[in-house]
Amino acid sequence: MTWRLVEALPAAEEFVRLRERVGWGAVGLEVARTALAQSLFGVTARHGDELIGMGRVIGDNALYYYIQDVAVSPDWQGRGVGVGLMSAIESYIAATVPVGSCVGLLAAAGKEAFYTPFGYSPRDGSSLGHGMSKVIERA
């Protein structure tokens, strides 16, 4: 079965379903709409009309860019979909991101090696500092 890449963001409903399929948890539809609207670039992978993967770039559109929500439905993992998504993201970055900008991402545990062929590596703190993050959780 074949799939195709589309340089577009998914609908909020699709985004919510894909997040749940890959185990990232539920988010509300309005939160999804707001998040997607803040994207600088988006790419989806589709099998027919079905969303099977996505990725997006967020940031200040000047110095700092962040690769976010690179996700592939479990049934489609290992078939080159993720590589296709990242290749489209890297093409966008090469064409639009100014020299000297910082492009970051947080890899899911165990998925770090997927990003190394694209030039990403863990930060050791020698030049850009150590990466840190915080997730806001409420009871």
Foldseek 3Di string as FASTA:
>chain_A
DDKDKDWDADQLVLLQVQCVQQPVDGDDSVVSVVVRVQFPTKMFIDDVNHTFFIWTWHDDQAAEIEIDRGGGRPVCPPVCPSVVRVVVVLVCCVVRYDPNHDYYYDDDPPCQVVCVVVPDDADPQPPPGHDDDDDDDDD
